Amino acid sequence: MGIVSTNVSYNSNVLRQNLSSLLRAYPFLNVQTVGNSVLGKPIYVIKLGRGPRKVFYSGSIHAKG
């Protein structure tokens, strides 16, 4: 099995577990919170690498209305 399971319903608890697993496997990652959602859940950012170039990837998902 990989670090991130793809056969479970995803929620903030699973996200937190995934981030912990990724940090254990890749200790050079820098995980930070940049605020909270309207539901009070942390919004995470993962930084990796060094150098003059910066790339931003967003994995945001909109909730159903």
PDB file of N, CA and C in Angstrom:
ATOM      1  N   MET A   1       0.854  -1.191   0.000  1.00  0.00           N
ATOM      2  CA  MET A   1       0.000   0.000   0.000  1.00  0.00           C
ATOM      3  C   MET A   1       0.886   1.236   0.000  1.00  0.00           C
ATOM      4  N   GLY A   2       0.468   2.282  -0.692  1.00  0.00           N
ATOM      5  CA  GLY A   2       1.216   3.525  -0.765  1.00  0.00           C
ATOM      6  C   GLY A   2       0.991   4.396   0.457  1.00  0.00           C
ATOM      7  N   ILE A   3       1.529   5.566   0.416  1.00  0.00           N
ATOM      8  CA  ILE A   3       1.414   6.505   1.532  1.00  0.00           C
ATOM      9  C   ILE A   3      -0.004   7.049   1.647  1.00  0.00           C
ATOM     10  N   VAL A   4      -0.611   7.352   0.509  1.00  0.00           N
ATOM     11  CA  VAL A   4      -1.957   7.937   0.491  1.00  0.00           C
ATOM     12  C   VAL A   4      -2.919   6.915  -0.090  1.00  0.00           C
ATOM     13  N   SER A   5      -3.853   6.455   0.729  1.00  0.00           N
ATOM     14  CA  SER A   5      -4.851   5.493   0.280  1.00  0.00           C
ATOM     15  C   SER A   5      -5.887   6.213  -0.585  1.00  0.00           C
ATOM     16  N   THR A   6      -6.264   5.589  -1.688  1.00  0.00           N
ATOM     17  CA  THR A   6      -7.234   6.210  -2.594  1.00  0.00           C
ATOM     18  C   THR A   6      -8.603   5.537  -2.544  1.00  0.00           C
ATOM     19  N   ASN A   7      -8.783   4.590  -1.623  1.00  0.00           N
ATOM     20  CA  ASN A   7     -10.057   3.875  -1.567  1.00  0.00           C
ATOM     21  C   ASN A   7     -10.842   4.182  -0.288  1.00  0.00           C
ATOM     22  N   VAL A   8     -10.639   5.378   0.274  1.00  0.00           N
ATOM     23  CA  VAL A   8     -11.390   5.802   1.465  1.00  0.00           C
ATOM     24  C   VAL A   8     -12.034   7.153   1.189  1.00  0.00           C
ATOM     25  N   SER A   9     -13.114   7.433   1.892  1.00  0.00           N
ATOM     26  CA  SER A   9     -13.728   8.759   1.788  1.00  0.00           C
ATOM     27  C   SER A   9     -12.772   9.770   2.395  1.00  0.00           C
ATOM     28  N   TYR A  10     -12.566  10.873   1.686  1.00  0.00           N
ATOM     29  CA  TYR A  10     -11.576  11.855   2.127  1.00  0.00           C
ATOM     30  C   TYR A  10     -12.220  12.904   3.010  1.00  0.00           C
ATOM     31  N   ASN A  11     -11.539  13.249   4.102  1.00  0.00           N
ATOM     32  CA  ASN A  11     -12.000  14.305   4.990  1.00  0.00           C
ATOM     33  C   ASN A  11     -10.778  14.922   5.668  1.00  0.00           C
ATOM     34  N   SER A  12     -10.998  15.863   6.562  1.00  0.00           N
ATOM     35  CA  SER A  12      -9.873  16.575   7.169  1.00  0.00           C
ATOM     36  C   SER A  12      -9.023  15.655   8.050  1.00  0.00           C
ATOM     37  N   ASN A  13      -9.617  14.642   8.657  1.00  0.00           N
ATOM     38  CA  ASN A  13      -8.836  13.707   9.466  1.00  0.00           C
ATOM     39  C   ASN A  13      -7.903  12.862   8.600  1.00  0.00           C
ATOM     40  N   VAL A  14      -8.413  12.410   7.462  1.00  0.00           N
ATOM     41  CA  VAL A  14      -7.594  11.634   6.528  1.00  0.00           C
ATOM     42  C   VAL A  14      -6.469  12.523   5.980  1.00  0.00           C
ATOM     43  N   LEU A  15      -6.781  13.772   5.670  1.00  0.00           N
ATOM     44  CA  LEU A  15      -5.758  14.707   5.193  1.00  0.00           C
ATOM     45  C   LEU A  15      -4.643  14.837   6.222  1.00  0.00           C
ATOM     46  N   ARG A  16      -5.004  15.021   7.482  1.00  0.00           N
ATOM     47  CA  ARG A  16      -4.006  15.167   8.548  1.00  0.00           C
ATOM     48  C   ARG A  16      -3.138  13.904   8.653  1.00  0.00           C
ATOM     49  N   GLN A  17      -3.755  12.728   8.534  1.00  0.00           N
ATOM     50  CA  GLN A  17      -3.009  11.464   8.559  1.00  0.00           C
ATOM     51  C   GLN A  17      -2.073  11.362   7.359  1.00  0.00           C
ATOM     52  N   ASN A  18      -2.564  11.770   6.187  1.00  0.00           N
ATOM     53  CA  ASN A  18      -1.734  11.740   4.980  1.00  0.00           C
ATOM     54  C   ASN A  18      -0.528  12.652   5.121  1.00  0.00           C
ATOM     55  N   LEU A  19      -0.743  13.847   5.665  1.00  0.00           N
ATOM     56  CA  LEU A  19       0.372  14.778   5.853  1.00  0.00           C
ATOM     57  C   LEU A  19       1.404  14.204   6.823  1.00  0.00           C
ATOM     58  N   SER A  20       0.955  13.568   7.889  1.00  0.00           N
ATOM     59  CA  SER A  20       1.879  12.942   8.837  1.00  0.00           C
ATOM     60  C   SER A  20       2.685  11.834   8.163  1.00  0.00           C
ATOM     61  N   SER A  21       2.012  11.012   7.362  1.00  0.00           N
ATOM     62  CA  SER A  21       2.692   9.927   6.645  1.00  0.00           C
ATOM     63  C   SER A  21       3.711  10.475   5.657  1.00  0.00           C
ATOM     64  N   LEU A  22       3.336  11.521   4.944  1.00  0.00           N
ATOM     65  CA  LEU A  22       4.266  12.129   3.991  1.00  0.00           C
ATOM     66  C   LEU A  22       5.492  12.705   4.698  1.00  0.00           C
ATOM     67  N   LEU A  23       5.288  13.340   5.851  1.00  0.00           N
ATOM     68  CA  LEU A  23       6.409  13.901   6.615  1.00  0.00           C
ATOM     69  C   LEU A  23       7.353  12.808   7.129  1.00  0.00           C
ATOM     70  N   ARG A  24       6.792  11.685   7.546  1.00  0.00           N
ATOM     71  CA  ARG A  24       7.639  10.574   7.991  1.00  0.00           C
ATOM     72  C   ARG A  24       8.471  10.031   6.828  1.00  0.00           C
ATOM     73  N   ALA A  25       7.857   9.920   5.670  1.00  0.00           N
ATOM     74  CA  ALA A  25       8.554   9.372   4.503  1.00  0.00           C
ATOM     75  C   ALA A  25       9.519  10.375   3.875  1.00  0.00           C
ATOM     76  N   TYR A  26       9.164  11.657   3.938  1.00  0.00           N
ATOM     77  CA  TYR A  26       9.956  12.714   3.301  1.00  0.00           C
ATOM     78  C   TYR A  26      10.179  13.844   4.297  1.00  0.00           C
ATOM     79  N   PRO A  27      11.123  13.680   5.231  1.00  0.00           N
ATOM     80  CA  PRO A  27      11.304  14.657   6.306  1.00  0.00           C
ATOM     81  C   PRO A  27      11.755  16.041   5.837  1.00  0.00           C
ATOM     82  N   PHE A  28      12.152  16.179   4.577  1.00  0.00           N
ATOM     83  CA  PHE A  28      12.554  17.488   4.054  1.00  0.00           C
ATOM     84  C   PHE A  28      11.356  18.371   3.712  1.00  0.00           C
ATOM     85  N   LEU A  29      10.141  17.804   3.729  1.00  0.00           N
ATOM     86  CA  LEU A  29       8.958  18.616   3.462  1.00  0.00           C
ATOM     87  C   LEU A  29       8.728  19.598   4.598  1.00  0.00           C
ATOM     88  N   ASN A  30       8.172  20.735   4.274  1.00  0.00           N
ATOM     89  CA  ASN A  30       7.832  21.752   5.262  1.00  0.00           C
ATOM     90  C   ASN A  30       6.322  21.958   5.184  1.00  0.00           C
ATOM     91  N   VAL A  31       5.594  21.479   6.183  1.00  0.00           N
ATOM     92  CA  VAL A  31       4.137  21.601   6.209  1.00  0.00           C
ATOM     93  C   VAL A  31       3.766  22.712   7.178  1.00  0.00           C
ATOM     94  N   GLN A  32       2.962  23.652   6.705  1.00  0.00           N
ATOM     95  CA  GLN A  32       2.524  24.785   7.517  1.00  0.00           C
ATOM     96  C   GLN A  32       1.031  24.989   7.331  1.00  0.00           C
ATOM     97  N   THR A  33       0.416  25.678   8.274  1.00  0.00           N
ATOM     98  CA  THR A  33      -0.964  26.108   8.082  1.00  0.00           C
ATOM     99  C   THR A  33      -0.938  27.590   7.734  1.00  0.00           C
ATOM    100  N   VAL A  34      -1.826  27.973   6.829  1.00  0.00           N
ATOM    101  CA  VAL A  34      -1.872  29.372   6.377  1.00  0.00           C
ATOM    102  C   VAL A  34      -3.179  30.047   6.770  1.00  0.00           C
ATOM    103  N   GLY A  35      -3.964  29.360   7.572  1.00  0.00           N
ATOM    104  CA  GLY A  35      -5.238  29.919   8.015  1.00  0.00           C
ATOM    105  C   GLY A  35      -6.213  28.801   8.278  1.00  0.00           C
ATOM    106  N   ASN A  36      -7.472  29.180   8.402  1.00  0.00           N
ATOM    107  CA  ASN A  36      -8.537  28.221   8.655  1.00  0.00           C
ATOM    108  C   ASN A  36      -9.674  28.427   7.661  1.00  0.00           C
ATOM    109  N   SER A  37     -10.365  27.334   7.365  1.00  0.00           N
ATOM    110  CA  SER A  37     -11.530  27.400   6.482  1.00  0.00           C
ATOM    111  C   SER A  37     -12.701  28.014   7.241  1.00  0.00           C
ATOM    112  N   VAL A  38     -13.805  28.225   6.544  1.00  0.00           N
ATOM    113  CA  VAL A  38     -14.999  28.757   7.200  1.00  0.00           C
ATOM    114  C   VAL A  38     -15.550  27.774   8.233  1.00  0.00           C
ATOM    115  N   LEU A  39     -15.160  26.508   8.138  1.00  0.00           N
ATOM    116  CA  LEU A  39     -15.561  25.505   9.114  1.00  0.00           C
ATOM    117  C   LEU A  39     -14.553  25.372  10.253  1.00  0.00           C
ATOM    118  N   GLY A  40     -13.515  26.227  10.233  1.00  0.00           N
ATOM    119  CA  GLY A  40     -12.519  26.200  11.289  1.00  0.00           C
ATOM    120  C   GLY A  40     -11.433  25.152  11.101  1.00  0.00           C
ATOM    121  N   LYS A  41     -11.387  24.500   9.942  1.00  0.00           N
ATOM    122  CA  LYS A  41     -10.363  23.485   9.667  1.00  0.00           C
ATOM    123  C   LYS A  41      -9.107  24.166   9.143  1.00  0.00           C
ATOM    124  N   PRO A  42      -7.922  23.657   9.496  1.00  0.00           N
ATOM    125  CA  PRO A  42      -6.684  24.276   9.015  1.00  0.00           C
ATOM    126  C   PRO A  42      -6.536  24.156   7.502  1.00  0.00           C
ATOM    127  N   ILE A  43      -5.956  25.190   6.902  1.00  0.00           N
ATOM    128  CA  ILE A  43      -5.603  25.177   5.480  1.00  0.00           C
ATOM    129  C   ILE A  43      -4.092  25.002   5.429  1.00  0.00           C
ATOM    130  N   TYR A  44      -3.651  23.918   4.798  1.00  0.00           N
ATOM    131  CA  TYR A  44      -2.237  23.551   4.800  1.00  0.00           C
ATOM    132  C   TYR A  44      -1.533  23.990   3.520  1.00  0.00           C
ATOM    133  N   VAL A  45      -0.241  24.218   3.662  1.00  0.00           N
ATOM    134  CA  VAL A  45       0.639  24.427   2.521  1.00  0.00           C
ATOM    135  C   VAL A  45       1.849  23.526   2.738  1.00  0.00           C
ATOM    136  N   ILE A  46       2.323  22.918   1.668  1.00  0.00           N
ATOM    137  CA  ILE A  46       3.512  22.070   1.735  1.00  0.00           C
ATOM    138  C   ILE A  46       4.581  22.716   0.866  1.00  0.00           C
ATOM    139  N   LYS A  47       5.723  23.003   1.477  1.00  0.00           N
ATOM    140  CA  LYS A  47       6.844  23.582   0.737  1.00  0.00           C
ATOM    141  C   LYS A  47       7.924  22.520   0.589  1.00  0.00           C
ATOM    142  N   LEU A  48       8.540  22.479  -0.600  1.00  0.00           N
ATOM    143  CA  LEU A  48       9.664  21.583  -0.806  1.00  0.00           C
ATOM    144  C   LEU A  48      10.633  22.209  -1.782  1.00  0.00           C
ATOM    145  N   GLY A  49      11.877  21.866  -1.616  1.00  0.00           N
ATOM    146  CA  GLY A  49      12.919  22.352  -2.507  1.00  0.00           C
ATOM    147  C   GLY A  49      13.403  23.744  -2.162  1.00  0.00           C
ATOM    148  N   ARG A  50      14.485  24.112  -2.841  1.00  0.00           N
ATOM    149  CA  ARG A  50      15.073  25.442  -2.691  1.00  0.00           C
ATOM    150  C   ARG A  50      15.496  25.933  -4.072  1.00  0.00           C
ATOM    151  N   GLY A  51      15.642  27.216  -4.187  1.00  0.00           N
ATOM    152  CA  GLY A  51      16.107  27.759  -5.454  1.00  0.00           C
ATOM    153  C   GLY A  51      15.337  28.992  -5.849  1.00  0.00           C
ATOM    154  N   PRO A  52      15.743  29.608  -6.958  1.00  0.00           N
ATOM    155  CA  PRO A  52      15.150  30.871  -7.367  1.00  0.00           C
ATOM    156  C   PRO A  52      13.747  30.742  -7.964  1.00  0.00           C
ATOM    157  N   ARG A  53      13.390  29.582  -8.471  1.00  0.00           N
ATOM    158  CA  ARG A  53      12.069  29.421  -9.096  1.00  0.00           C
ATOM    159  C   ARG A  53      11.038  29.002  -8.067  1.00  0.00           C
ATOM    160  N   LYS A  54       9.837  29.560  -8.209  1.00  0.00           N
ATOM    161  CA  LYS A  54       8.735  29.204  -7.327  1.00  0.00           C
ATOM    162  C   LYS A  54       7.559  28.765  -8.177  1.00  0.00           C
ATOM    163  N   VAL A  55       6.968  27.650  -7.806  1.00  0.00           N
ATOM    164  CA  VAL A  55       5.815  27.103  -8.503  1.00  0.00           C
ATOM    165  C   VAL A  55       4.721  26.875  -7.468  1.00  0.00           C
ATOM    166  N   PHE A  56       3.499  27.250  -7.813  1.00  0.00           N
ATOM    167  CA  PHE A  56       2.368  27.071  -6.893  1.00  0.00           C
ATOM    168  C   PHE A  56       1.370  26.119  -7.525  1.00  0.00           C
ATOM    169  N   TYR A  57       1.040  25.045  -6.812  1.00  0.00           N
ATOM    170  CA  TYR A  57      -0.002  24.115  -7.224  1.00  0.00           C
ATOM    171  C   TYR A  57      -1.121  24.200  -6.201  1.00  0.00           C
ATOM    172  N   SER A  58      -2.337  24.298  -6.656  1.00  0.00           N
ATOM    173  CA  SER A  58      -3.477  24.354  -5.749  1.00  0.00           C
ATOM    174  C   SER A  58      -4.334  23.124  -5.943  1.00  0.00           C
ATOM    175  N   GLY A  59      -4.633  22.449  -4.833  1.00  0.00           N
ATOM    176  CA  GLY A  59      -5.489  21.279  -4.873  1.00  0.00           C
ATOM    177  C   GLY A  59      -6.827  21.558  -4.217  1.00  0.00           C
ATOM    178  N   SER A  60      -7.286  22.783  -4.340  1.00  0.00           N
ATOM    179  CA  SER A  60      -8.527  23.159  -3.663  1.00  0.00           C
ATOM    180  C   SER A  60      -9.738  22.553  -4.356  1.00  0.00           C
ATOM    181  N   ILE A  61     -10.758  22.302  -3.548  1.00  0.00           N
ATOM    182  CA  ILE A  61     -11.997  21.710  -4.037  1.00  0.00           C
ATOM    183  C   ILE A  61     -13.157  22.522  -3.473  1.00  0.00           C
ATOM    184  N   HIS A  62     -14.116  22.838  -4.305  1.00  0.00           N
ATOM    185  CA  HIS A  62     -15.292  23.556  -3.838  1.00  0.00           C
ATOM    186  C   HIS A  62     -16.321  22.574  -3.296  1.00  0.00           C
ATOM    187  N   ALA A  63     -16.977  22.962  -2.250  1.00  0.00           N
ATOM    188  CA  ALA A  63     -18.042  22.140  -1.675  1.00  0.00           C
ATOM    189  C   ALA A  63     -19.318  22.283  -2.496  1.00  0.00           C
ATOM    190  N   LYS A  64     -20.190  21.339  -2.357  1.00  0.00           N
ATOM    191  CA  LYS A  64     -21.491  21.412  -3.035  1.00  0.00           C
ATOM    192  C   LYS A  64     -22.326  22.492  -2.376  1.00  0.00           C
ATOM    193  N   GLY A  65     -23.139  23.157  -3.167  1.00  0.00           N
ATOM    194  CA  GLY A  65     -23.994  24.219  -2.624  1.00  0.00           C
ATOM    195  C   GLY A  65     -25.375  23.782  -2.303  1.00  0.00           C
TER     196      GLY A  65
END
